C-alpha atoms as a PDB file:
ATOM      1  CA  UNK A   1     -17.092  -5.452   8.741  1.00  0.00           C
ATOM      2  CA  UNK A   2     -13.986  -4.983   6.637  1.00  0.00           C
ATOM      3  CA  UNK A   3     -10.786  -4.834   8.516  1.00  0.00           C
ATOM      4  CA  UNK A   4      -7.116  -3.876   7.473  1.00  0.00           C
ATOM      5  CA  UNK A   5      -3.968  -4.441   9.115  1.00  0.00           C
ATOM      6  CA  UNK A   6      -0.644  -3.308   7.516  1.00  0.00           C
ATOM      7  CA  UNK A   7       2.749  -4.825   8.240  1.00  0.00           C
ATOM      8  CA  UNK A   8       6.302  -4.663   7.241  1.00  0.00           C
ATOM      9  CA  UNK A   9       7.442  -1.062   7.635  1.00  0.00           C
ATOM     10  CA  UNK A  10      10.705  -0.180   9.129  1.00  0.00           C
ATOM     11  CA  UNK A  11      13.936   1.763   8.998  1.00  0.00           C
ATOM     12  CA  UNK A  12      16.105   1.143   5.764  1.00  0.00           C
ATOM     13  CA  UNK A  13      18.814   2.928   4.063  1.00  0.00           C
ATOM     14  CA  UNK A  14      18.584   4.794   0.732  1.00  0.00           C
ATOM     15  CA  UNK A  15      18.771   2.174  -2.068  1.00  0.00           C
ATOM     16  CA  UNK A  16      17.162  -0.660   0.177  1.00  0.00           C
ATOM     17  CA  UNK A  17      13.947  -2.573  -0.242  1.00  0.00           C
ATOM     18  CA  UNK A  18      10.965  -3.352   1.933  1.00  0.00           C
ATOM     19  CA  UNK A  19       7.793  -5.253   1.579  1.00  0.00           C
ATOM     20  CA  UNK A  20       4.511  -4.118   2.964  1.00  0.00           C
ATOM     21  CA  UNK A  21       1.667  -6.211   3.459  1.00  0.00           C
ATOM     22  CA  UNK A  22      -2.192  -5.570   4.047  1.00  0.00           C
ATOM     23  CA  UNK A  23      -4.246  -8.342   5.445  1.00  0.00           C
ATOM     24  CA  UNK A  24      -7.861  -8.082   4.870  1.00  0.00           C
ATOM     25  CA  UNK A  25     -10.552  -9.617   6.890  1.00  0.00           C
ATOM     26  CA  UNK A  26     -14.310  -9.297   6.293  1.00  0.00           C
ATOM     27  CA  UNK A  27     -13.983  -9.329   2.319  1.00  0.00           C
ATOM     28  CA  UNK A  28     -12.055 -11.354  -0.452  1.00  0.00           C
ATOM     29  CA  UNK A  29      -9.297  -8.932  -1.855  1.00  0.00           C
ATOM     30  CA  UNK A  30     -10.196 -10.240  -5.239  1.00  0.00           C
ATOM     31  CA  UNK A  31     -13.452  -8.640  -5.432  1.00  0.00           C
ATOM     32  CA  UNK A  32     -12.006  -5.369  -3.961  1.00  0.00           C
ATOM     33  CA  UNK A  33     -10.465  -2.236  -5.252  1.00  0.00           C
ATOM     34  CA  UNK A  34      -7.172  -2.113  -3.108  1.00  0.00           C
ATOM     35  CA  UNK A  35      -4.747   0.649  -2.938  1.00  0.00           C
ATOM     36  CA  UNK A  36      -1.602   1.872  -1.097  1.00  0.00           C
ATOM     37  CA  UNK A  37      -1.374   5.619   0.218  1.00  0.00           C
ATOM     38  CA  UNK A  38       1.333   7.299   1.944  1.00  0.00           C
ATOM     39  CA  UNK A  39       1.644  10.496   4.064  1.00  0.00           C
ATOM     40  CA  UNK A  40       4.656  12.196   5.053  1.00  0.00           C
ATOM     41  CA  UNK A  41       4.738  14.861   7.813  1.00  0.00           C
ATOM     42  CA  UNK A  42       3.496  18.099   6.647  1.00  0.00           C
ATOM     43  CA  UNK A  43       2.251  16.883   3.250  1.00  0.00           C
ATOM     44  CA  UNK A  44      -1.198  15.568   2.113  1.00  0.00           C
ATOM     45  CA  UNK A  45      -2.039  11.909   1.601  1.00  0.00           C
ATOM     46  CA  UNK A  46      -0.979  10.732  -1.888  1.00  0.00           C
ATOM     47  CA  UNK A  47      -1.789   7.553  -3.874  1.00  0.00           C
ATOM     48  CA  UNK A  48       1.137   5.436  -4.302  1.00  0.00           C
ATOM     49  CA  UNK A  49      -0.159   2.285  -6.054  1.00  0.00           C
ATOM     50  CA  UNK A  50      -3.585   0.733  -6.666  1.00  0.00           C
ATOM     51  CA  UNK A  51      -5.044  -2.562  -7.959  1.00  0.00           C
ATOM     52  CA  UNK A  52      -8.854  -2.664  -8.927  1.00  0.00           C
ATOM     53  CA  UNK A  53     -11.101  -5.919  -8.758  1.00  0.00           C
ATOM     54  CA  UNK A  54     -10.494  -6.056 -12.472  1.00  0.00           C
ATOM     55  CA  UNK A  55      -6.590  -6.186 -11.931  1.00  0.00           C
ATOM     56  CA  UNK A  56      -6.233  -2.708 -13.368  1.00  0.00           C
ATOM     57  CA  UNK A  57      -2.831  -1.411 -11.803  1.00  0.00           C
ATOM     58  CA  UNK A  58      -1.854   2.229 -11.386  1.00  0.00           C
ATOM     59  CA  UNK A  59       1.225   3.641  -9.986  1.00  0.00           C
ATOM     60  CA  UNK A  60       2.201   7.166  -8.750  1.00  0.00           C
ATOM     61  CA  UNK A  61       4.908   8.714 -11.256  1.00  0.00           C
ATOM     62  CA  UNK A  62       7.319   8.965  -8.249  1.00  0.00           C
ATOM     63  CA  UNK A  63       7.254   5.337  -7.648  1.00  0.00           C
ATOM     64  CA  UNK A  64       6.942   3.723 -11.189  1.00  0.00           C
ATOM     65  CA  UNK A  65       9.776   1.247 -11.889  1.00  0.00           C
ATOM     66  CA  UNK A  66      10.766   0.906  -8.193  1.00  0.00           C
ATOM     67  CA  UNK A  67       7.518  -0.182  -6.364  1.00  0.00           C
ATOM     68  CA  UNK A  68       5.132  -3.187  -7.458  1.00  0.00           C
ATOM     69  CA  UNK A  69       1.673  -3.831  -5.855  1.00  0.00           C
ATOM     70  CA  UNK A  70       0.511  -7.446  -6.026  1.00  0.00           C
ATOM     71  CA  UNK A  71      -2.277  -9.544  -4.458  1.00  0.00           C
ATOM     72  CA  UNK A  72      -2.144 -12.794  -2.748  1.00  0.00           C
ATOM     73  CA  UNK A  73      -5.531 -14.303  -3.043  1.00  0.00           C
ATOM     74  CA  UNK A  74      -4.612 -17.349  -0.983  1.00  0.00           C
ATOM     75  CA  UNK A  75      -3.520 -15.190   1.985  1.00  0.00           C
ATOM     76  CA  UNK A  76      -6.131 -12.371   1.177  1.00  0.00           C
ATOM     77  CA  UNK A  77      -3.377  -9.684   1.299  1.00  0.00           C
ATOM     78  CA  UNK A  78      -2.308  -7.043  -0.947  1.00  0.00           C
ATOM     79  CA  UNK A  79       1.446  -6.387  -0.801  1.00  0.00           C
ATOM     80  CA  UNK A  80       3.651  -3.579  -1.988  1.00  0.00           C
ATOM     81  CA  UNK A  81       7.295  -4.469  -2.963  1.00  0.00           C
ATOM     82  CA  UNK A  82       9.366  -1.307  -2.665  1.00  0.00           C
ATOM     83  CA  UNK A  83      12.804  -1.254  -4.248  1.00  0.00           C
ATOM     84  CA  UNK A  84      15.508   1.358  -4.534  1.00  0.00           C
ATOM     85  CA  UNK A  85      13.997   3.467  -1.633  1.00  0.00           C
ATOM     86  CA  UNK A  86      14.891   6.892  -1.435  1.00  0.00           C
ATOM     87  CA  UNK A  87      14.779   9.774   1.365  1.00  0.00           C
ATOM     88  CA  UNK A  88      11.567  11.055  -0.017  1.00  0.00           C
ATOM     89  CA  UNK A  89       9.680   7.692   0.281  1.00  0.00           C
ATOM     90  CA  UNK A  90       9.669   8.253   4.181  1.00  0.00           C
ATOM     91  CA  UNK A  91       5.996   8.334   5.166  1.00  0.00           C
ATOM     92  CA  UNK A  92       3.188   6.521   6.982  1.00  0.00           C
ATOM     93  CA  UNK A  93       1.898   3.977   4.517  1.00  0.00           C
ATOM     94  CA  UNK A  94      -1.546   3.192   4.569  1.00  0.00           C
ATOM     95  CA  UNK A  95      -3.857   0.413   2.951  1.00  0.00           C
ATOM     96  CA  UNK A  96      -7.167   1.165   1.470  1.00  0.00           C
ATOM     97  CA  UNK A  97     -10.027  -0.952   0.416  1.00  0.00           C
ATOM     98  CA  UNK A  98     -12.769   0.410  -1.575  1.00  0.00           C
ATOM     99  CA  UNK A  99     -15.981  -1.702  -2.254  1.00  0.00           C
ATOM    100  CA  UNK A 100     -17.047  -1.487  -6.103  1.00  0.00           C
ATOM    101  CA  UNK A 101     -20.009   0.343  -6.745  1.00  0.00           C
ATOM    102  CA  UNK A 102     -19.115   3.083  -3.926  1.00  0.00           C
ATOM    103  CA  UNK A 103     -20.642   0.605  -1.031  1.00  0.00           C
ATOM    104  CA  UNK A 104     -17.646   1.771   1.201  1.00  0.00           C
ATOM    105  CA  UNK A 105     -14.101   2.350   1.724  1.00  0.00           C
ATOM    106  CA  UNK A 106     -12.013   1.370   4.490  1.00  0.00           C
ATOM    107  CA  UNK A 107      -8.347   2.281   5.783  1.00  0.00           C
ATOM    108  CA  UNK A 108      -5.706   0.616   7.855  1.00  0.00           C
ATOM    109  CA  UNK A 109      -3.884   2.281  10.750  1.00  0.00           C
ATOM    110  CA  UNK A 110      -0.793   2.528   8.630  1.00  0.00           C
ATOM    111  CA  UNK A 111       2.824   1.213   8.849  1.00  0.00           C
ATOM    112  CA  UNK A 112       6.006   3.623   9.018  1.00  0.00           C
ATOM    113  CA  UNK A 113       8.556   3.646   6.604  1.00  0.00           C
ATOM    114  CA  UNK A 114      11.642   5.528   7.133  1.00  0.00           C
ATOM    115  CA  UNK A 115      14.582   5.799   4.886  1.00  0.00           C
ATOM    116  CA  UNK A 116      17.613   7.320   6.323  1.00  0.00           C
ATOM    117  CA  UNK A 117      21.511   6.702   5.907  1.00  0.00           C
END
């Protein structure tokens, strides 16, 4: 059973930074397609950043140059460094794990990120 647990959300002022972490149990992140999504109130869930098991990385246009996704194989985590946060980045951020070959997808509970002055 794959389980995901996000941490690191909080309240930050515009221009500030946060680091989110997704701790994975039940599977090595090295062999898993990982992604961060976010969902703001009244909006659809959107992909923020992804990293495949083959190290292919993709970012939403709205976060390019500000967010960085990276994997820590030793801790079995996938992290999201978020810099220069803006009001529109406010959302619940969710970690997603996809098993290559379509053998399953898993979600964490999410962590709240609020950008406010």
